[in-house]
């Protein structure tokens, strides 16, 4: 029997066409000792039907964690998904991010006690996102710059995320000005470390709730590693109707408190204490 030593949490909400592509990406991984836990923020039946169908197609096990749609409550469903993970190590990504075939392998390669890993993404425009087929994913064409440019991708320094080999990736990781923060679309860490800071702050909706978790991990004594050029996902385009300034401002205030007071725990996370909240 295969030993599962890694859990991949994928967040989703009413995007079954994108989620299908993402799940095919995980079926194409070189490293296979993982499970997938889908953190579903209240999707309709189309998503559960897709998961039932794909359970018979892919090699890995899928756990579907769902709650009723009550607006953008990603932090809540992520906390439930964290608890559902069976392994000691957790990778987090989104249901619109197709992983390159070595994605899980890279996270496993660089994981280390006392650290969490920070990856990035390569954003695609909507027309290319819609063009990508199951075959394009399994044949890795959707990660090939020549193929992408033939479909209209413009030249950019960011294209190095797709073309860099291991040596160049290491150099680019070392010189990038981007902070090695916890990024919800591409990050990983030890389950015990995430539980020790009580997971995500469930007061936070859209805008920086992943970064705030990372700041509490830093405050608890962890360091981070930059792997944005090693662990590659392509980000499919989609509208963001849940984005609003009020939520962003509220979350910024919570993050400021976490940073200024060096907080390592939120009473609004996985474990809830009435005494702490009052």
Protein backbone atom coordinates (compact mmCIF):
# COMPACT_ATOMS: atom_id res chain seq x y z
CA UNK A 1 0.00 0.00 0.00
CA UNK A 2 1.33 3.44 -0.94
CA UNK A 3 2.38 5.69 1.95
CA UNK A 4 0.89 9.18 1.75
CA UNK A 5 3.42 11.71 3.07
CA UNK A 6 2.06 14.89 1.49
CA UNK A 7 -1.37 16.52 1.35
CA UNK A 8 -2.33 19.02 -1.36
CA UNK A 9 -5.14 21.42 -0.46
CA UNK A 10 -6.86 22.97 -3.47
CA UNK A 11 -9.38 25.76 -2.88
CA UNK A 12 -12.30 26.17 -5.27
CA UNK A 13 -15.62 27.91 -5.75
CA UNK A 14 -18.00 27.26 -8.68
CA UNK A 15 -15.23 26.82 -11.27
CA UNK A 16 -15.51 23.16 -12.32
CA UNK A 17 -13.98 23.70 -15.78
CA UNK A 18 -10.83 25.16 -14.24
CA UNK A 19 -10.77 22.63 -11.39
CA UNK A 20 -10.90 19.77 -13.88
CA UNK A 21 -7.76 21.03 -15.62
CA UNK A 22 -6.01 21.44 -12.28
CA UNK A 23 -6.87 17.91 -11.14
CA UNK A 24 -5.51 16.52 -14.42
CA UNK A 25 -2.30 18.41 -13.64
CA UNK A 26 -1.98 16.56 -10.34
CA UNK A 27 -2.63 13.27 -12.13
CA UNK A 28 0.47 14.03 -14.20
CA UNK A 29 2.87 14.48 -11.25
CA UNK A 30 6.24 12.76 -11.06
CA UNK A 31 5.95 12.45 -7.27
CA UNK A 32 2.91 10.41 -6.33
CA UNK A 33 2.82 9.86 -2.57
CA UNK A 34 0.18 12.51 -1.99
CA UNK A 35 -3.52 13.02 -1.47
CA UNK A 36 -5.69 15.92 -2.64
CA UNK A 37 -8.07 17.70 -0.28
CA UNK A 38 -10.47 20.08 -2.03
CA UNK A 39 -11.49 23.07 0.09
CA UNK A 40 -14.82 23.99 -1.49
CA UNK A 41 -16.30 27.34 -0.42
CA UNK A 42 -19.88 26.37 -1.27
CA UNK A 43 -19.86 25.32 -4.95
CA UNK A 44 -22.97 24.01 -6.69
CA UNK A 45 -23.56 20.38 -7.68
CA UNK A 46 -21.47 20.62 -10.87
CA UNK A 47 -18.31 20.62 -8.76
CA UNK A 48 -19.25 17.59 -6.66
CA UNK A 49 -20.29 15.73 -9.84
CA UNK A 50 -16.88 16.50 -11.36
CA UNK A 51 -15.07 15.20 -8.27
CA UNK A 52 -17.10 11.97 -8.25
CA UNK A 53 -16.20 11.40 -11.91
CA UNK A 54 -12.51 12.20 -11.53
CA UNK A 55 -12.08 9.95 -8.50
CA UNK A 56 -12.35 7.06 -10.98
CA UNK A 57 -9.80 8.61 -13.39
CA UNK A 58 -6.89 9.87 -11.28
CA UNK A 59 -4.36 7.87 -9.29
CA UNK A 60 -4.59 9.88 -6.04
CA UNK A 61 -7.34 9.98 -3.44
CA UNK A 62 -9.61 13.05 -3.30
CA UNK A 63 -11.30 14.29 -0.15
CA UNK A 64 -14.02 16.87 -0.81
CA UNK A 65 -14.48 19.31 2.09
CA UNK A 66 -17.55 21.52 1.46
CA UNK A 67 -19.67 24.00 3.36
CA UNK A 68 -22.74 26.03 2.47
CA UNK A 69 -22.22 29.14 0.35
CA UNK A 70 -22.25 32.13 2.69
CA UNK A 71 -20.19 34.50 0.61
CA UNK A 72 -16.39 34.50 0.48
CA UNK A 73 -15.41 32.30 3.45
CA UNK A 74 -12.21 30.77 2.12
CA UNK A 75 -10.44 30.97 5.49
CA UNK A 76 -13.13 28.85 7.13
CA UNK A 77 -13.08 26.08 4.54
CA UNK A 78 -9.27 26.04 4.44
CA UNK A 79 -9.20 25.44 8.19
CA UNK A 80 -11.54 22.49 7.77
CA UNK A 81 -9.39 21.17 4.93
CA UNK A 82 -6.23 21.44 7.06
CA UNK A 83 -7.84 19.27 9.71
CA UNK A 84 -8.86 16.73 7.05
CA UNK A 85 -5.29 16.24 5.79
CA UNK A 86 -3.84 12.84 6.75
CA UNK A 87 -0.16 13.66 6.24
CA UNK A 88 2.39 15.70 8.18
CA UNK A 89 3.14 18.05 5.26
CA UNK A 90 0.70 20.31 3.43
CA UNK A 91 0.94 22.06 0.05
CA UNK A 92 -1.68 24.72 -0.65
CA UNK A 93 -2.78 25.92 -4.06
CA UNK A 94 -5.92 27.05 -5.87
CA UNK A 95 -8.42 25.46 -8.22
CA UNK A 96 -7.29 27.77 -11.04
CA UNK A 97 -3.58 26.86 -10.86
CA UNK A 98 -2.39 23.94 -13.03
CA UNK A 99 0.79 22.40 -11.57
CA UNK A 100 3.76 21.50 -13.74
CA UNK A 101 4.54 17.79 -13.52
CA UNK A 102 7.38 18.33 -10.99
CA UNK A 103 5.38 20.69 -8.75
CA UNK A 104 4.83 18.30 -5.83
CA UNK A 105 8.32 16.86 -6.30
CA UNK A 106 9.87 20.32 -5.87
CA UNK A 107 7.94 21.03 -2.68
CA UNK A 108 8.98 17.66 -1.26
CA UNK A 109 12.60 18.20 -2.33
CA UNK A 110 12.98 21.54 -0.55
CA UNK A 111 10.85 20.99 2.55
CA UNK A 112 12.73 21.23 5.83
CA UNK A 113 11.91 21.42 9.52
CA UNK A 114 11.76 25.02 10.69
CA UNK A 115 10.77 26.40 7.27
CA UNK A 116 7.81 26.93 5.01
CA UNK A 117 8.14 27.19 1.22
CA UNK A 118 6.97 30.12 -0.90
CA UNK A 119 6.14 29.65 -4.57
CA UNK A 120 4.60 31.85 -7.23
CA UNK A 121 2.49 31.55 -10.36
CA UNK A 122 2.56 32.33 -14.07
CA UNK A 123 -0.59 34.19 -15.11
CA UNK A 124 -2.22 33.33 -18.43
CA UNK A 125 -4.78 35.45 -20.30
CA UNK A 126 -8.35 34.19 -20.63
CA UNK A 127 -8.11 33.07 -24.27
CA UNK A 128 -5.13 30.79 -23.59
CA UNK A 129 -6.69 29.56 -20.34
CA UNK A 130 -9.76 28.41 -22.26
CA UNK A 131 -7.67 26.80 -25.02
CA UNK A 132 -5.78 24.40 -22.73
CA UNK A 133 -7.05 20.84 -23.09
CA UNK A 134 -6.55 17.66 -21.08
CA UNK A 135 -4.04 16.52 -23.70
CA UNK A 136 -2.14 19.83 -23.45
CA UNK A 137 -1.77 19.23 -19.71
CA UNK A 138 -0.60 15.62 -19.94
CA UNK A 139 1.83 16.45 -22.76
CA UNK A 140 3.05 19.58 -20.90
CA UNK A 141 2.37 21.82 -23.92
CA UNK A 142 0.71 24.39 -21.67
CA UNK A 143 4.07 24.95 -19.95
CA UNK A 144 6.02 25.24 -23.22
CA UNK A 145 6.87 28.82 -24.14
CA UNK A 146 6.90 28.10 -27.86
CA UNK A 147 3.37 26.66 -27.67
CA UNK A 148 2.14 29.50 -25.48
CA UNK A 149 3.62 32.15 -27.80
CA UNK A 150 1.97 30.45 -30.77
CA UNK A 151 -1.30 31.13 -28.93
CA UNK A 152 -0.51 34.79 -28.33
CA UNK A 153 1.64 34.93 -25.18
CA UNK A 154 3.84 38.03 -25.19
CA UNK A 155 7.55 38.03 -24.37
CA UNK A 156 8.36 38.98 -20.77
CA UNK A 157 11.04 38.47 -18.11
CA UNK A 158 8.37 36.55 -16.20
CA UNK A 159 8.57 33.86 -18.88
CA UNK A 160 11.72 32.68 -17.10
CA UNK A 161 9.42 30.98 -14.61
CA UNK A 162 8.61 28.46 -17.32
CA UNK A 163 11.98 28.15 -19.02
CA UNK A 164 14.51 28.23 -16.15
CA UNK A 165 16.38 25.01 -15.44
CA UNK A 166 17.36 24.06 -11.89
CA UNK A 167 20.58 26.12 -11.83
CA UNK A 168 19.00 29.26 -13.29
CA UNK A 169 15.95 28.79 -11.07
CA UNK A 170 18.18 28.79 -8.00
CA UNK A 171 19.89 32.00 -9.11
CA UNK A 172 16.58 33.71 -9.86
CA UNK A 173 15.17 32.65 -6.49
CA UNK A 174 18.21 34.21 -4.81
CA UNK A 175 17.97 37.59 -6.56
CA UNK A 176 14.19 38.09 -6.82
CA UNK A 177 12.97 41.14 -4.89
CA UNK A 178 9.71 39.30 -4.08
CA UNK A 179 9.38 38.31 -0.42
CA UNK A 180 9.20 34.62 0.41
CA UNK A 181 5.73 34.97 1.95
CA UNK A 182 2.96 32.41 2.43
CA UNK A 183 1.05 32.54 -0.87
CA UNK A 184 -2.28 30.76 -1.01
CA UNK A 185 -1.79 29.74 -4.63
CA UNK A 186 1.61 28.10 -4.03
CA UNK A 187 3.02 27.49 -0.56
CA UNK A 188 3.71 24.57 1.74
CA UNK A 189 4.54 23.81 5.34
CA UNK A 190 4.33 21.30 8.15
CA UNK A 191 0.83 20.63 9.46
CA UNK A 192 2.04 20.89 13.06
CA UNK A 193 3.43 24.39 12.38
CA UNK A 194 0.15 25.53 10.78
CA UNK A 195 -1.87 24.07 13.66
CA UNK A 196 0.47 25.70 16.19
CA UNK A 197 -0.56 29.18 14.95
CA UNK A 198 -4.23 28.05 14.73
CA UNK A 199 -4.58 28.10 10.95
CA UNK A 200 -6.28 30.93 9.10
CA UNK A 201 -7.98 33.86 10.81
CA UNK A 202 -11.66 33.31 9.92
CA UNK A 203 -12.51 37.00 10.28
CA UNK A 204 -10.55 37.55 7.07
CA UNK A 205 -12.23 37.30 3.70
CA UNK A 206 -10.66 38.37 0.40
CA UNK A 207 -7.28 40.06 0.53
CA UNK A 208 -4.15 38.86 2.31
CA UNK A 209 -5.45 36.14 4.62
CA UNK A 210 -2.68 33.86 3.35
CA UNK A 211 0.00 36.48 4.06
CA UNK A 212 -1.33 36.97 7.60
CA UNK A 213 -0.97 33.24 8.27
CA UNK A 214 2.62 33.47 7.03
CA UNK A 215 3.32 36.43 9.31
CA UNK A 216 2.21 34.40 12.35
CA UNK A 217 4.44 31.55 11.18
CA UNK A 218 7.36 34.00 11.03
CA UNK A 219 6.48 35.37 14.47
CA UNK A 220 6.52 31.81 15.84
CA UNK A 221 10.16 31.43 14.76
CA UNK A 222 9.88 29.81 11.33
CA UNK A 223 11.88 30.91 8.30
CA UNK A 224 10.87 30.64 4.64
CA UNK A 225 12.47 29.46 1.41
CA UNK A 226 11.88 31.00 -1.99
CA UNK A 227 10.99 28.41 -4.66
CA UNK A 228 8.97 30.54 -7.10
CA UNK A 229 11.17 29.46 -10.05
CA UNK A 230 11.23 25.76 -9.04
CA UNK A 231 7.63 24.91 -8.15
CA UNK A 232 5.67 26.17 -11.14
CA UNK A 233 1.93 26.60 -11.61
CA UNK A 234 0.14 28.35 -14.44
CA UNK A 235 -2.71 30.56 -13.23
CA UNK A 236 -5.86 30.46 -15.34
CA UNK A 237 -7.67 33.76 -15.76
CA UNK A 238 -11.11 34.40 -14.22
CA UNK A 239 -13.26 37.29 -12.96
CA UNK A 240 -12.96 38.25 -9.29
CA UNK A 241 -16.41 39.40 -8.27
CA UNK A 242 -15.62 38.80 -4.60
CA UNK A 243 -12.89 41.47 -4.54
CA UNK A 244 -13.87 44.57 -2.57
CA UNK A 245 -12.01 47.39 -0.86
CA UNK A 246 -13.83 47.04 2.46
CA UNK A 247 -12.56 43.48 2.89
CA UNK A 248 -9.04 44.47 1.83
CA UNK A 249 -8.95 47.35 4.35
CA UNK A 250 -10.30 45.15 7.17
CA UNK A 251 -7.73 42.47 6.47
CA UNK A 252 -4.91 45.01 6.31
CA UNK A 253 -5.81 46.19 9.81
CA UNK A 254 -5.72 42.60 11.11
CA UNK A 255 -2.33 42.06 9.46
CA UNK A 256 -0.99 45.26 10.96
CA UNK A 257 -1.99 44.05 14.44
CA UNK A 258 -0.40 40.65 13.82
CA UNK A 259 2.83 42.32 12.74
CA UNK A 260 2.95 45.11 15.33
CA UNK A 261 2.10 42.86 18.28
CA UNK A 262 4.14 39.90 16.96
CA UNK A 263 1.15 37.62 17.30
CA UNK A 264 1.63 33.87 16.80
CA UNK A 265 -1.97 32.79 17.45
CA UNK A 266 -5.43 33.84 16.32
CA UNK A 267 -8.44 33.08 18.53
CA UNK A 268 -10.51 33.15 15.31
CA UNK A 269 -8.86 30.11 13.74
CA UNK A 270 -9.23 26.33 13.91
CA UNK A 271 -9.56 26.27 17.70
CA UNK A 272 -12.03 28.84 19.00
CA UNK A 273 -12.08 29.99 22.60
CA UNK A 274 -15.02 32.07 23.81
CA UNK A 275 -12.75 33.61 26.44
CA UNK A 276 -10.20 34.66 23.80
CA UNK A 277 -12.84 36.05 21.42
CA UNK A 278 -14.76 38.05 24.05
